N, C-alpha and C. Protein backbone atom coordinates (compact mmCIF):
# COMPACT_ATOMS: atom_id res chain seq x y z
N MET A 1 9.55 -10.97 -11.34
CA MET A 1 8.38 -11.78 -11.58
C MET A 1 7.16 -11.06 -11.02
N THR A 2 6.06 -11.11 -11.71
CA THR A 2 4.84 -10.47 -11.27
C THR A 2 3.74 -11.51 -11.17
N THR A 3 3.01 -11.48 -10.08
CA THR A 3 1.89 -12.37 -9.89
C THR A 3 0.62 -11.58 -10.16
N THR A 4 -0.32 -12.17 -10.84
CA THR A 4 -1.58 -11.49 -11.13
C THR A 4 -2.71 -12.27 -10.50
N TYR A 5 -3.60 -11.57 -9.85
CA TYR A 5 -4.78 -12.16 -9.23
C TYR A 5 -5.99 -11.47 -9.83
N THR A 6 -6.95 -12.24 -10.29
CA THR A 6 -8.18 -11.67 -10.81
C THR A 6 -9.33 -12.12 -9.93
N PRO A 7 -10.03 -11.18 -9.31
CA PRO A 7 -11.16 -11.56 -8.45
C PRO A 7 -12.21 -12.31 -9.26
N GLY A 8 -12.79 -13.33 -8.66
CA GLY A 8 -13.82 -14.13 -9.32
C GLY A 8 -15.18 -13.50 -9.22
N ALA A 9 -16.17 -14.21 -9.68
CA ALA A 9 -17.53 -13.70 -9.71
C ALA A 9 -18.06 -13.38 -8.31
N SER A 10 -17.50 -14.04 -7.29
CA SER A 10 -18.00 -13.79 -5.94
C SER A 10 -17.41 -12.53 -5.31
N SER A 11 -16.44 -11.90 -5.97
CA SER A 11 -15.84 -10.69 -5.43
C SER A 11 -16.84 -9.53 -5.45
N HIS A 12 -16.58 -8.56 -4.62
CA HIS A 12 -17.45 -7.39 -4.53
C HIS A 12 -17.57 -6.71 -5.89
N ARG A 13 -18.72 -6.21 -6.22
CA ARG A 13 -18.96 -5.66 -7.55
C ARG A 13 -18.10 -4.45 -7.88
N TYR A 14 -17.54 -3.76 -6.87
CA TYR A 14 -16.75 -2.57 -7.12
C TYR A 14 -15.34 -2.88 -7.61
N ALA A 15 -14.82 -4.03 -7.30
CA ALA A 15 -13.42 -4.33 -7.64
C ALA A 15 -13.38 -5.50 -8.61
N ARG A 16 -13.40 -5.20 -9.88
CA ARG A 16 -13.39 -6.24 -10.89
C ARG A 16 -12.12 -6.22 -11.74
N ALA A 17 -11.18 -5.40 -11.36
CA ALA A 17 -9.94 -5.29 -12.12
C ALA A 17 -8.93 -6.33 -11.66
N ALA A 18 -8.00 -6.66 -12.54
CA ALA A 18 -6.91 -7.57 -12.17
C ALA A 18 -5.97 -6.84 -11.22
N VAL A 19 -5.42 -7.56 -10.27
CA VAL A 19 -4.51 -6.97 -9.29
C VAL A 19 -3.10 -7.38 -9.64
N HIS A 20 -2.24 -6.41 -9.68
CA HIS A 20 -0.83 -6.61 -9.99
C HIS A 20 -0.07 -6.65 -8.67
N LEU A 21 0.26 -7.83 -8.18
CA LEU A 21 0.88 -7.94 -6.86
C LEU A 21 2.38 -8.10 -6.96
N TRP A 22 3.06 -7.38 -6.10
CA TRP A 22 4.51 -7.49 -5.97
C TRP A 22 4.79 -8.78 -5.22
N PRO A 23 5.62 -9.67 -5.75
CA PRO A 23 5.85 -10.95 -5.07
C PRO A 23 6.70 -10.76 -3.81
N ALA A 24 6.34 -11.46 -2.76
CA ALA A 24 7.12 -11.44 -1.53
C ALA A 24 7.73 -12.83 -1.34
N ARG A 25 9.03 -12.88 -1.19
CA ARG A 25 9.69 -14.17 -1.00
C ARG A 25 9.52 -14.69 0.42
N GLU A 26 9.32 -13.78 1.37
CA GLU A 26 9.16 -14.19 2.76
C GLU A 26 7.73 -14.70 2.97
N SER A 27 7.63 -15.95 3.38
CA SER A 27 6.34 -16.57 3.58
C SER A 27 5.51 -15.79 4.60
N GLY A 28 4.24 -15.57 4.28
CA GLY A 28 3.35 -14.90 5.20
C GLY A 28 3.52 -13.40 5.28
N LYS A 29 4.29 -12.82 4.39
CA LYS A 29 4.55 -11.38 4.45
C LYS A 29 3.85 -10.65 3.32
N ARG A 30 2.64 -11.08 3.01
CA ARG A 30 1.84 -10.39 1.99
C ARG A 30 0.38 -10.44 2.40
N ALA A 31 -0.31 -9.35 2.17
CA ALA A 31 -1.73 -9.27 2.47
C ALA A 31 -2.38 -8.40 1.41
N SER A 32 -3.66 -8.65 1.14
CA SER A 32 -4.39 -7.78 0.22
C SER A 32 -5.84 -7.71 0.65
N TRP A 33 -6.45 -6.57 0.32
CA TRP A 33 -7.83 -6.32 0.69
C TRP A 33 -8.56 -5.65 -0.46
N VAL A 34 -9.81 -6.02 -0.66
CA VAL A 34 -10.70 -5.33 -1.59
C VAL A 34 -11.26 -4.12 -0.84
N LEU A 35 -11.19 -2.96 -1.48
CA LEU A 35 -11.64 -1.72 -0.86
C LEU A 35 -12.86 -1.19 -1.61
N VAL A 36 -13.91 -0.90 -0.88
CA VAL A 36 -15.13 -0.38 -1.49
C VAL A 36 -15.33 1.07 -1.06
N PRO A 37 -15.92 1.89 -1.92
CA PRO A 37 -16.09 3.32 -1.60
C PRO A 37 -17.19 3.56 -0.57
N GLU A 38 -16.83 3.36 0.69
CA GLU A 38 -17.73 3.59 1.81
C GLU A 38 -17.01 4.49 2.81
N PRO A 39 -17.75 5.22 3.64
CA PRO A 39 -17.11 6.14 4.60
C PRO A 39 -16.14 5.46 5.57
N THR A 40 -16.34 4.19 5.85
CA THR A 40 -15.48 3.49 6.82
C THR A 40 -14.24 2.86 6.21
N THR A 41 -14.09 2.91 4.90
CA THR A 41 -12.99 2.18 4.24
C THR A 41 -11.62 2.66 4.68
N VAL A 42 -11.38 3.95 4.71
CA VAL A 42 -10.03 4.45 5.04
C VAL A 42 -9.65 4.09 6.48
N PRO A 43 -10.48 4.39 7.49
CA PRO A 43 -10.08 4.00 8.85
C PRO A 43 -9.98 2.49 9.04
N LYS A 44 -10.86 1.73 8.39
CA LYS A 44 -10.79 0.27 8.49
C LYS A 44 -9.49 -0.25 7.87
N THR A 45 -9.08 0.33 6.76
CA THR A 45 -7.84 -0.08 6.11
C THR A 45 -6.63 0.27 6.97
N ARG A 46 -6.65 1.44 7.59
CA ARG A 46 -5.55 1.81 8.50
C ARG A 46 -5.43 0.79 9.64
N ARG A 47 -6.57 0.39 10.23
CA ARG A 47 -6.55 -0.60 11.32
C ARG A 47 -5.99 -1.93 10.82
N ARG A 48 -6.41 -2.36 9.63
CA ARG A 48 -5.89 -3.62 9.08
C ARG A 48 -4.39 -3.56 8.86
N VAL A 49 -3.93 -2.44 8.32
CA VAL A 49 -2.50 -2.27 8.06
C VAL A 49 -1.73 -2.26 9.38
N ARG A 50 -2.22 -1.53 10.37
CA ARG A 50 -1.57 -1.48 11.68
C ARG A 50 -1.45 -2.89 12.27
N GLY A 51 -2.52 -3.67 12.16
CA GLY A 51 -2.49 -5.05 12.66
C GLY A 51 -1.49 -5.92 11.93
N LYS A 52 -1.44 -5.77 10.62
CA LYS A 52 -0.50 -6.57 9.83
C LYS A 52 0.93 -6.18 10.14
N LEU A 53 1.20 -4.89 10.27
CA LEU A 53 2.55 -4.44 10.61
C LEU A 53 2.96 -4.97 11.98
N SER A 54 2.04 -5.00 12.92
CA SER A 54 2.32 -5.55 14.24
C SER A 54 2.65 -7.04 14.14
N ASP A 55 1.87 -7.78 13.34
CA ASP A 55 2.13 -9.20 13.12
C ASP A 55 3.53 -9.43 12.55
N TRP A 56 3.97 -8.53 11.70
CA TRP A 56 5.27 -8.67 11.03
C TRP A 56 6.42 -8.05 11.82
N GLY A 57 6.15 -7.54 13.03
CA GLY A 57 7.19 -6.93 13.85
C GLY A 57 7.59 -5.55 13.38
N LEU A 58 6.68 -4.86 12.71
CA LEU A 58 6.98 -3.54 12.14
C LEU A 58 6.12 -2.43 12.75
N ALA A 59 5.67 -2.63 13.98
CA ALA A 59 4.78 -1.65 14.61
C ALA A 59 5.42 -0.27 14.71
N ALA A 60 6.73 -0.20 14.81
CA ALA A 60 7.41 1.10 14.93
C ALA A 60 7.21 1.97 13.68
N GLN A 61 6.94 1.35 12.55
CA GLN A 61 6.74 2.10 11.31
C GLN A 61 5.28 2.42 11.03
N SER A 62 4.39 2.04 11.94
CA SER A 62 2.94 2.18 11.70
C SER A 62 2.50 3.60 11.36
N ASP A 63 3.01 4.60 12.08
CA ASP A 63 2.53 5.97 11.86
C ASP A 63 2.76 6.43 10.42
N VAL A 64 3.96 6.24 9.91
CA VAL A 64 4.27 6.68 8.54
C VAL A 64 3.50 5.85 7.53
N VAL A 65 3.48 4.53 7.72
CA VAL A 65 2.77 3.67 6.77
C VAL A 65 1.28 4.00 6.75
N GLU A 66 0.68 4.18 7.93
CA GLU A 66 -0.74 4.52 7.98
C GLU A 66 -1.05 5.84 7.29
N LEU A 67 -0.18 6.84 7.45
CA LEU A 67 -0.38 8.12 6.79
C LEU A 67 -0.36 7.96 5.27
N LEU A 68 0.63 7.25 4.76
CA LEU A 68 0.74 7.06 3.31
C LEU A 68 -0.40 6.19 2.78
N VAL A 69 -0.78 5.15 3.52
CA VAL A 69 -1.92 4.32 3.12
C VAL A 69 -3.18 5.18 3.07
N SER A 70 -3.36 6.05 4.06
CA SER A 70 -4.53 6.94 4.06
C SER A 70 -4.57 7.78 2.79
N GLU A 71 -3.43 8.29 2.37
CA GLU A 71 -3.38 9.11 1.17
C GLU A 71 -3.78 8.32 -0.08
N VAL A 72 -3.16 7.16 -0.30
CA VAL A 72 -3.44 6.43 -1.54
C VAL A 72 -4.84 5.82 -1.53
N VAL A 73 -5.31 5.36 -0.38
CA VAL A 73 -6.64 4.78 -0.31
C VAL A 73 -7.71 5.86 -0.44
N THR A 74 -7.53 7.01 0.20
CA THR A 74 -8.49 8.11 0.07
C THR A 74 -8.62 8.53 -1.39
N ASN A 75 -7.50 8.68 -2.07
CA ASN A 75 -7.56 9.06 -3.49
C ASN A 75 -8.29 8.00 -4.31
N ALA A 76 -8.01 6.74 -4.06
CA ALA A 76 -8.69 5.67 -4.80
C ALA A 76 -10.20 5.70 -4.54
N MET A 77 -10.58 5.93 -3.31
CA MET A 77 -12.01 5.94 -2.98
C MET A 77 -12.71 7.17 -3.56
N ARG A 78 -12.02 8.29 -3.65
CA ARG A 78 -12.63 9.51 -4.20
C ARG A 78 -12.76 9.47 -5.72
N HIS A 79 -11.83 8.80 -6.37
CA HIS A 79 -11.74 8.93 -7.83
C HIS A 79 -11.99 7.64 -8.60
N SER A 80 -12.46 6.59 -7.94
CA SER A 80 -12.73 5.34 -8.67
C SER A 80 -13.91 4.62 -8.03
N TRP A 81 -14.25 3.47 -8.58
CA TRP A 81 -15.40 2.70 -8.10
C TRP A 81 -14.99 1.59 -7.16
N GLY A 82 -13.76 1.59 -6.72
CA GLY A 82 -13.26 0.56 -5.82
C GLY A 82 -11.79 0.31 -6.10
N ALA A 83 -11.17 -0.45 -5.24
CA ALA A 83 -9.74 -0.68 -5.38
C ALA A 83 -9.36 -1.97 -4.68
N VAL A 84 -8.15 -2.39 -4.92
CA VAL A 84 -7.55 -3.50 -4.18
C VAL A 84 -6.20 -3.01 -3.70
N MET A 85 -5.93 -3.23 -2.41
CA MET A 85 -4.66 -2.82 -1.84
C MET A 85 -3.87 -4.06 -1.46
N SER A 86 -2.58 -4.06 -1.78
CA SER A 86 -1.71 -5.13 -1.34
C SER A 86 -0.55 -4.54 -0.55
N LEU A 87 -0.11 -5.29 0.43
CA LEU A 87 0.98 -4.91 1.30
C LEU A 87 1.92 -6.10 1.34
N ALA A 88 3.22 -5.86 1.12
CA ALA A 88 4.18 -6.95 1.14
C ALA A 88 5.48 -6.49 1.79
N MET A 89 6.11 -7.40 2.49
CA MET A 89 7.39 -7.13 3.14
C MET A 89 8.40 -8.13 2.60
N ASP A 90 9.54 -7.63 2.12
CA ASP A 90 10.55 -8.52 1.58
C ASP A 90 11.92 -7.85 1.67
N ASP A 91 12.89 -8.54 2.19
CA ASP A 91 14.28 -8.05 2.26
C ASP A 91 14.39 -6.63 2.82
N GLY A 92 13.67 -6.34 3.89
CA GLY A 92 13.76 -5.03 4.52
C GLY A 92 13.01 -3.92 3.82
N THR A 93 12.19 -4.27 2.83
CA THR A 93 11.40 -3.27 2.11
C THR A 93 9.92 -3.60 2.23
N LEU A 94 9.16 -2.63 2.70
CA LEU A 94 7.71 -2.75 2.74
C LEU A 94 7.17 -2.05 1.51
N ARG A 95 6.29 -2.73 0.78
CA ARG A 95 5.69 -2.13 -0.42
C ARG A 95 4.18 -2.19 -0.28
N CYS A 96 3.55 -1.07 -0.58
CA CYS A 96 2.10 -0.96 -0.61
C CYS A 96 1.70 -0.60 -2.03
N GLU A 97 0.72 -1.32 -2.58
CA GLU A 97 0.18 -1.02 -3.90
C GLU A 97 -1.33 -0.87 -3.78
N VAL A 98 -1.86 0.15 -4.42
CA VAL A 98 -3.31 0.31 -4.50
C VAL A 98 -3.68 0.40 -5.97
N GLN A 99 -4.45 -0.58 -6.40
CA GLN A 99 -4.92 -0.59 -7.78
C GLN A 99 -6.37 -0.17 -7.80
N ASP A 100 -6.67 0.83 -8.65
CA ASP A 100 -8.06 1.25 -8.77
C ASP A 100 -8.46 1.29 -10.24
N THR A 101 -9.71 1.63 -10.49
CA THR A 101 -10.27 1.57 -11.83
C THR A 101 -10.16 2.87 -12.61
N ASN A 102 -9.60 3.91 -12.01
CA ASN A 102 -9.46 5.20 -12.69
C ASN A 102 -8.11 5.23 -13.41
N PRO A 103 -8.09 5.46 -14.71
CA PRO A 103 -6.82 5.45 -15.45
C PRO A 103 -5.95 6.69 -15.24
N ALA A 104 -6.49 7.75 -14.63
CA ALA A 104 -5.72 9.00 -14.45
C ALA A 104 -4.62 8.78 -13.41
N LEU A 105 -3.38 9.04 -13.80
CA LEU A 105 -2.24 8.89 -12.89
C LEU A 105 -2.15 10.10 -11.97
N PRO A 106 -1.69 9.88 -10.73
CA PRO A 106 -1.56 11.02 -9.81
C PRO A 106 -0.49 11.99 -10.30
N GLN A 107 -0.69 13.25 -10.02
CA GLN A 107 0.27 14.27 -10.43
C GLN A 107 0.54 15.21 -9.26
N VAL A 108 1.80 15.59 -9.13
CA VAL A 108 2.16 16.59 -8.14
C VAL A 108 1.65 17.92 -8.69
N ARG A 109 0.93 18.65 -7.85
CA ARG A 109 0.39 19.92 -8.32
C ARG A 109 0.72 21.01 -7.32
N GLU A 110 0.64 22.24 -7.78
CA GLU A 110 0.91 23.37 -6.91
C GLU A 110 -0.21 23.48 -5.87
N VAL A 111 0.19 23.65 -4.63
CA VAL A 111 -0.77 23.74 -3.54
C VAL A 111 -0.60 25.09 -2.84
N HIS A 112 -1.70 25.71 -2.54
CA HIS A 112 -1.69 26.99 -1.85
C HIS A 112 -2.11 26.80 -0.39
N GLU A 113 -1.79 27.76 0.44
CA GLU A 113 -2.01 27.66 1.88
C GLU A 113 -3.44 27.28 2.25
N GLY A 114 -4.42 27.81 1.60
CA GLY A 114 -5.82 27.55 1.95
C GLY A 114 -6.40 26.28 1.34
N ASP A 115 -5.66 25.59 0.49
CA ASP A 115 -6.17 24.38 -0.16
C ASP A 115 -6.36 23.26 0.86
N GLU A 116 -7.48 22.55 0.73
CA GLU A 116 -7.77 21.45 1.65
C GLU A 116 -7.11 20.15 1.23
N GLY A 117 -6.70 20.02 0.01
CA GLY A 117 -6.09 18.77 -0.47
C GLY A 117 -4.92 19.08 -1.37
N GLY A 118 -4.40 18.03 -1.99
CA GLY A 118 -3.34 18.20 -2.96
C GLY A 118 -1.93 18.00 -2.43
N ARG A 119 -1.81 17.58 -1.17
CA ARG A 119 -0.47 17.42 -0.58
C ARG A 119 -0.01 15.97 -0.53
N GLY A 120 -0.83 15.06 -0.97
CA GLY A 120 -0.51 13.64 -0.87
C GLY A 120 0.78 13.23 -1.56
N MET A 121 1.01 13.74 -2.76
CA MET A 121 2.23 13.36 -3.48
C MET A 121 3.47 13.95 -2.82
N TYR A 122 3.32 15.11 -2.19
CA TYR A 122 4.43 15.69 -1.43
C TYR A 122 4.77 14.80 -0.23
N LEU A 123 3.74 14.30 0.43
CA LEU A 123 3.97 13.37 1.54
C LEU A 123 4.65 12.10 1.06
N MET A 124 4.24 11.59 -0.09
CA MET A 124 4.87 10.39 -0.66
C MET A 124 6.36 10.63 -0.89
N GLN A 125 6.68 11.78 -1.49
CA GLN A 125 8.08 12.11 -1.74
C GLN A 125 8.87 12.25 -0.46
N ALA A 126 8.28 12.89 0.54
CA ALA A 126 9.00 13.18 1.78
C ALA A 126 9.18 11.95 2.67
N LEU A 127 8.20 11.05 2.70
CA LEU A 127 8.20 9.97 3.69
C LEU A 127 8.55 8.58 3.17
N SER A 128 8.40 8.35 1.87
CA SER A 128 8.68 7.01 1.35
C SER A 128 10.11 6.92 0.81
N THR A 129 10.59 5.70 0.72
CA THR A 129 11.89 5.45 0.09
C THR A 129 11.77 5.68 -1.41
N SER A 130 10.67 5.20 -1.98
CA SER A 130 10.36 5.43 -3.39
C SER A 130 8.85 5.26 -3.57
N TRP A 131 8.34 5.82 -4.65
CA TRP A 131 6.93 5.71 -4.95
C TRP A 131 6.73 5.93 -6.44
N GLY A 132 5.56 5.58 -6.92
CA GLY A 132 5.26 5.80 -8.32
C GLY A 132 3.87 5.30 -8.66
N SER A 133 3.60 5.30 -9.94
CA SER A 133 2.33 4.79 -10.44
C SER A 133 2.56 4.31 -11.85
N HIS A 134 1.70 3.42 -12.30
CA HIS A 134 1.76 2.98 -13.69
C HIS A 134 0.36 2.59 -14.15
N PRO A 135 0.11 2.85 -15.43
CA PRO A 135 -1.22 2.54 -15.96
C PRO A 135 -1.39 1.04 -16.19
N LEU A 136 -2.63 0.61 -16.12
CA LEU A 136 -3.03 -0.75 -16.46
C LEU A 136 -4.20 -0.65 -17.43
N SER A 137 -4.52 -1.70 -18.10
CA SER A 137 -5.67 -1.67 -19.01
C SER A 137 -6.97 -1.48 -18.24
N THR A 138 -6.96 -1.77 -16.94
CA THR A 138 -8.15 -1.67 -16.11
C THR A 138 -8.13 -0.47 -15.16
N GLY A 139 -7.13 0.39 -15.26
CA GLY A 139 -7.02 1.54 -14.37
C GLY A 139 -5.56 1.89 -14.13
N LYS A 140 -5.15 1.85 -12.87
CA LYS A 140 -3.76 2.18 -12.53
C LYS A 140 -3.38 1.53 -11.21
N VAL A 141 -2.08 1.53 -10.94
CA VAL A 141 -1.53 1.13 -9.65
C VAL A 141 -0.71 2.30 -9.13
N VAL A 142 -0.94 2.68 -7.88
CA VAL A 142 -0.12 3.66 -7.19
C VAL A 142 0.56 2.89 -6.07
N TRP A 143 1.87 3.07 -5.93
CA TRP A 143 2.63 2.28 -4.95
C TRP A 143 3.63 3.15 -4.21
N PHE A 144 4.04 2.67 -3.05
CA PHE A 144 5.15 3.28 -2.32
C PHE A 144 5.92 2.18 -1.60
N GLU A 145 7.18 2.47 -1.32
CA GLU A 145 8.04 1.56 -0.58
C GLU A 145 8.70 2.30 0.57
N LEU A 146 8.95 1.56 1.65
CA LEU A 146 9.67 2.08 2.81
C LEU A 146 10.68 1.03 3.24
N ALA A 147 11.85 1.49 3.65
CA ALA A 147 12.83 0.59 4.24
C ALA A 147 12.37 0.32 5.67
N CYS A 148 12.20 -0.95 6.03
CA CYS A 148 11.70 -1.32 7.35
C CYS A 148 12.45 -2.54 7.86
N GLU A 149 12.76 -2.52 9.12
CA GLU A 149 13.36 -3.67 9.78
C GLU A 149 12.47 -4.06 10.95
N PRO A 150 12.21 -5.35 11.12
CA PRO A 150 11.41 -5.78 12.27
C PRO A 150 12.06 -5.37 13.58
N ALA A 151 11.24 -5.12 14.59
CA ALA A 151 11.74 -4.72 15.91
C ALA A 151 12.70 -5.78 16.43
N GLY A 152 13.80 -5.33 17.01
CA GLY A 152 14.78 -6.25 17.57
C GLY A 152 15.73 -6.83 16.56
N THR A 153 15.65 -6.39 15.30
CA THR A 153 16.55 -6.88 14.26
C THR A 153 17.52 -5.77 13.91
N PRO A 154 18.76 -5.86 14.38
CA PRO A 154 19.72 -4.81 14.03
C PRO A 154 20.02 -4.84 12.54
N ALA A 155 20.27 -3.67 11.98
CA ALA A 155 20.58 -3.58 10.55
C ALA A 155 21.79 -4.45 10.25
N GLY A 156 21.70 -5.24 9.20
CA GLY A 156 22.79 -6.11 8.78
C GLY A 156 22.86 -7.41 9.54
N ALA A 157 21.91 -7.67 10.45
CA ALA A 157 21.93 -8.92 11.21
C ALA A 157 21.65 -10.09 10.30
N GLU A 158 22.35 -11.17 10.51
CA GLU A 158 22.15 -12.36 9.71
C GLU A 158 21.91 -13.54 10.63
N GLY A 159 21.40 -14.61 10.06
CA GLY A 159 21.19 -15.83 10.83
C GLY A 159 19.89 -15.78 11.58
N ASN A 160 19.65 -16.86 12.36
CA ASN A 160 18.40 -16.95 13.08
C ASN A 160 18.57 -16.71 14.56
N GLY A 161 19.77 -16.37 15.00
CA GLY A 161 19.98 -16.06 16.39
C GLY A 161 20.37 -17.26 17.22
N ASP A 162 20.40 -18.48 16.64
CA ASP A 162 20.79 -19.67 17.39
C ASP A 162 22.30 -19.78 17.43
N ASP A 163 22.84 -20.04 18.60
CA ASP A 163 24.28 -20.28 18.74
C ASP A 163 24.52 -21.78 18.72
N ASP A 164 25.44 -22.22 17.87
CA ASP A 164 25.74 -23.66 17.79
C ASP A 164 27.00 -23.99 18.54
């Protein structure tokens, strides 16, 4: 199932595209932000993501998530007029989606030692569980997923921890 959110007239002028959000079954485990092409957007988004991960008990994964968020948000800010980012946690999987207004899909390209950019897709491949992109009539969505467990939750743990 896919949920669609369309910003209303009061939304920032840079983000007028429909947002394709991945549904999260866990209550309170989804967040989204409108991103505008300003110099402070990438660091501000990293701080917001770090805070949300902490709220969800996923602070241990912050470094990797922040790095990947920096990559997708930086690309969106460089190549479009704005974006919307969503973050959702469900069944041990964290998913980040960035929808922007540029229809060009990201491509892995050959990178040379002196190049200042072009390594983002390599980082996505190396650090995420899965990633991809797909076109929309209003631009594209670039996404990645990571397997994440909240702190103090052993893998395969079930129940709420109450002994009856």
